[in-house]
Amino acid sequence: MNKYSFDNSLGQESYDPISRLFHWGVVVLLVVEFSLAWTMPDVHKDTRPEGLIHWHLFFGTLILATVILRILWRLTHAAPPEVSMPRWQVLAAQGTHKLLYLILVILPLMGWANASSRGWAVKFLGVVGLPALSPKGSSWGHELGDIHQAVAIGLLVIIGMHVAAAFYHQKILKDNLLRRMLPSRF
């Protein structure tokens, strides 16, 4: 039995439902996380992890766990065969996906290390305590907070490129590449 769903209207295979769920789940989590990051108060020396900052930590750990599960799924469940496109586009797509996975793991880890350096308890889903990734008062842990912000902006740029490429394929090339990741009903 084929492990991919085949959409006859597209003439190509789609990603399996679990891969699509992980993809769109991470998208939703990132929208929530960036909304929190933009609206939460600035973090200073005496800031407490309350309110929006607490929720930012909550969703950061959830994103990390979801992305790790997504990577494990991807390692054990191959993507459908690539759509025919020039080699440079294949390499660009592969590079972008690897960079997205890397940043989506590193970014929460940097935030976690920064929170640890502030003496904040980081808990998965706000319940399960996680070990500190840097000692309280750590200068490198504090510096990771600034790097965390810069990498987050870089993530937005890469996501923008990813979305632009998907729409380029869908609207300009009309090869329905985007539909491979959309839910079956689209």
Protein backbone atom coordinates (compact mmCIF):
# COMPACT_ATOMS: atom_id res chain seq x y z
CA MET A 1 0.00 0.00 0.00
CA ASN A 2 1.26 3.47 -0.85
CA LYS A 3 2.31 5.49 2.21
CA TYR A 4 1.47 8.79 0.50
CA SER A 5 -1.92 9.99 -0.55
CA PHE A 6 -2.23 10.28 -4.28
CA ASP A 7 -4.36 13.12 -5.56
CA ASN A 8 -5.47 12.28 -9.08
CA SER A 9 -6.55 15.86 -9.69
CA LEU A 10 -2.94 16.93 -9.12
CA GLY A 11 -1.29 13.98 -10.80
CA GLN A 12 1.17 13.79 -7.90
CA GLU A 13 1.56 12.44 -4.40
CA SER A 14 0.83 14.53 -1.31
CA TYR A 15 2.49 14.46 2.08
CA ASP A 16 0.95 12.00 4.53
CA PRO A 17 -1.67 13.37 6.94
CA ILE A 18 0.68 13.31 9.96
CA SER A 19 3.34 15.35 8.10
CA ARG A 20 0.68 17.85 7.08
CA LEU A 21 -0.62 18.02 10.67
CA PHE A 22 2.91 18.70 11.98
CA HIS A 23 3.52 21.34 9.29
CA TRP A 24 0.33 23.30 9.90
CA GLY A 25 0.52 22.75 13.66
CA VAL A 26 3.95 24.38 13.73
CA VAL A 27 2.61 27.24 11.59
CA VAL A 28 -0.19 27.89 14.09
CA LEU A 29 2.20 27.64 17.05
CA LEU A 30 4.60 30.10 15.40
CA VAL A 31 1.79 32.60 14.76
CA VAL A 32 0.85 32.41 18.44
CA GLU A 33 4.49 32.59 19.58
CA PHE A 34 5.39 35.59 17.43
CA SER A 35 2.18 37.35 18.52
CA LEU A 36 3.18 36.82 22.14
CA ALA A 37 6.76 37.95 21.48
CA TRP A 38 5.61 41.19 19.85
CA THR A 39 3.12 42.04 22.58
CA MET A 40 4.91 40.89 25.73
CA PRO A 41 6.82 43.46 27.79
CA ASP A 42 10.54 43.96 27.29
CA VAL A 43 12.62 41.64 29.43
CA HIS A 44 14.89 43.47 31.85
CA LYS A 45 17.07 42.42 34.78
CA ASP A 46 14.20 42.23 37.28
CA THR A 47 11.48 40.99 34.92
CA ARG A 48 9.50 38.02 36.19
CA PRO A 49 8.25 35.27 33.87
CA GLU A 50 4.59 36.17 34.27
CA GLY A 51 1.70 36.88 31.96
CA LEU A 52 2.68 36.99 28.30
CA ILE A 53 6.28 36.03 29.12
CA HIS A 54 5.01 32.87 30.83
CA TRP A 55 2.93 32.06 27.74
CA HIS A 56 5.92 32.74 25.48
CA LEU A 57 7.92 30.15 27.44
CA PHE A 58 4.97 27.75 27.37
CA PHE A 59 4.60 27.93 23.57
CA GLY A 60 8.38 27.91 23.06
CA THR A 61 8.66 24.51 24.77
CA LEU A 62 5.63 23.27 22.85
CA ILE A 63 7.20 24.35 19.55
CA LEU A 64 10.46 22.61 20.45
CA ALA A 65 8.67 19.36 21.33
CA THR A 66 6.49 19.50 18.21
CA VAL A 67 9.45 20.18 15.92
CA ILE A 68 11.44 17.32 17.47
CA LEU A 69 8.48 14.99 16.92
CA ARG A 70 8.17 16.31 13.36
CA ILE A 71 11.86 15.64 12.69
CA LEU A 72 11.55 12.12 14.10
CA TRP A 73 8.49 11.53 11.92
CA ARG A 74 10.35 12.85 8.87
CA LEU A 75 13.36 10.61 9.58
CA THR A 76 11.11 7.55 9.74
CA HIS A 77 8.64 8.54 6.99
CA ALA A 78 10.08 9.73 3.70
CA ALA A 79 8.65 12.70 1.87
CA PRO A 80 6.80 12.00 -1.36
CA PRO A 81 8.89 12.06 -4.53
CA GLU A 82 10.00 15.52 -5.56
CA VAL A 83 8.09 17.42 -8.17
CA SER A 84 10.04 17.88 -11.38
CA MET A 85 11.91 21.18 -11.20
CA PRO A 86 15.36 22.55 -11.99
CA ARG A 87 18.21 21.26 -9.82
CA TRP A 88 18.84 24.69 -8.27
CA GLN A 89 15.25 24.81 -7.04
CA VAL A 90 15.55 21.33 -5.54
CA LEU A 91 18.75 22.35 -3.73
CA ALA A 92 17.20 25.65 -2.58
CA ALA A 93 14.12 23.83 -1.24
CA GLN A 94 16.21 21.19 0.55
CA GLY A 95 18.49 23.84 2.04
CA THR A 96 15.57 25.97 3.17
CA HIS A 97 13.83 23.02 4.83
CA LYS A 98 17.00 21.98 6.66
CA LEU A 99 17.60 25.57 7.79
CA LEU A 100 14.00 25.84 9.02
CA TYR A 101 14.34 22.63 11.04
CA LEU A 102 17.66 23.79 12.49
CA ILE A 103 16.37 27.22 13.51
CA LEU A 104 13.13 25.78 14.90
CA VAL A 105 15.24 23.66 17.28
CA ILE A 106 17.97 26.19 18.09
CA LEU A 107 15.65 29.17 18.65
CA PRO A 108 13.68 27.63 21.57
CA LEU A 109 16.91 26.26 23.05
CA MET A 110 18.41 29.77 23.05
CA GLY A 111 15.29 31.15 24.72
CA TRP A 112 15.40 28.34 27.27
CA ALA A 113 19.08 29.03 28.04
CA ASN A 114 18.31 32.74 28.39
CA ALA A 115 15.43 31.99 30.76
CA SER A 116 17.71 29.70 32.77
CA SER A 117 20.33 32.43 33.08
CA ARG A 118 17.61 34.65 34.59
CA GLY A 119 16.76 31.97 37.14
CA TRP A 120 13.38 31.29 35.55
CA ALA A 121 11.99 27.77 35.81
CA VAL A 122 11.22 26.45 32.34
CA LYS A 123 8.41 23.90 32.28
CA PHE A 124 7.06 21.84 29.40
CA LEU A 125 3.36 22.70 29.02
CA GLY A 126 3.75 24.81 32.15
CA VAL A 127 3.86 21.63 34.28
CA VAL A 128 6.91 19.41 33.72
CA GLY A 129 10.07 21.08 35.00
CA LEU A 130 12.97 21.12 32.58
CA PRO A 131 16.65 21.36 33.55
CA ALA A 132 18.43 24.68 33.31
CA LEU A 133 20.48 25.07 30.12
CA SER A 134 22.71 27.76 31.60
CA PRO A 135 23.63 28.72 35.15
CA LYS A 136 21.75 31.55 36.81
CA GLY A 137 23.55 34.83 36.09
CA SER A 138 25.41 33.36 33.12
CA SER A 139 26.63 36.12 30.80
CA TRP A 140 26.46 33.87 27.73
CA GLY A 141 22.93 32.84 28.73
CA HIS A 142 21.94 36.51 28.87
CA GLU A 143 23.61 37.19 25.50
CA LEU A 144 21.60 34.37 23.98
CA GLY A 145 18.50 36.50 24.61
CA ASP A 146 19.72 39.11 22.13
CA ILE A 147 20.80 36.43 19.68
CA HIS A 148 17.40 34.75 20.17
CA GLN A 149 15.69 37.93 18.95
CA ALA A 150 17.97 38.26 15.90
CA VAL A 151 17.52 34.60 14.95
CA ALA A 152 13.73 34.98 15.32
CA ILE A 153 13.81 37.82 12.79
CA GLY A 154 15.93 35.63 10.51
CA LEU A 155 13.35 32.86 10.91
CA LEU A 156 10.63 35.23 9.72
CA VAL A 157 12.69 36.09 6.63
CA ILE A 158 13.24 32.40 5.81
CA ILE A 159 9.55 31.64 6.38
CA GLY A 160 8.71 34.52 4.03
CA MET A 161 11.00 33.04 1.37
CA HIS A 162 9.43 29.60 1.90
CA VAL A 163 5.90 31.02 1.51
CA ALA A 164 6.91 33.10 -1.52
CA ALA A 165 8.42 30.03 -3.20
CA ALA A 166 5.26 28.00 -2.51
CA PHE A 167 3.06 30.72 -4.03
CA TYR A 168 5.47 31.08 -6.98
CA HIS A 169 5.01 27.40 -7.71
CA GLN A 170 1.26 27.58 -7.21
CA LYS A 171 0.44 30.82 -9.03
CA ILE A 172 3.24 31.34 -11.57
CA LEU A 173 4.42 27.83 -12.44
CA LYS A 174 0.98 26.35 -11.74
CA ASP A 175 2.54 23.01 -10.78
CA ASN A 176 0.32 22.62 -7.67
CA LEU A 177 3.35 22.05 -5.45
CA LEU A 178 1.63 23.90 -2.60
CA ARG A 179 -1.35 21.56 -2.67
CA ARG A 180 0.89 18.62 -1.66
CA MET A 181 0.99 20.08 1.88
CA LEU A 182 -2.58 21.37 2.06
CA PRO A 183 -5.26 19.34 3.83
CA SER A 184 -6.96 16.85 1.50
CA ARG A 185 -10.14 18.89 1.10
CA PHE A 186 -8.34 21.83 -0.58
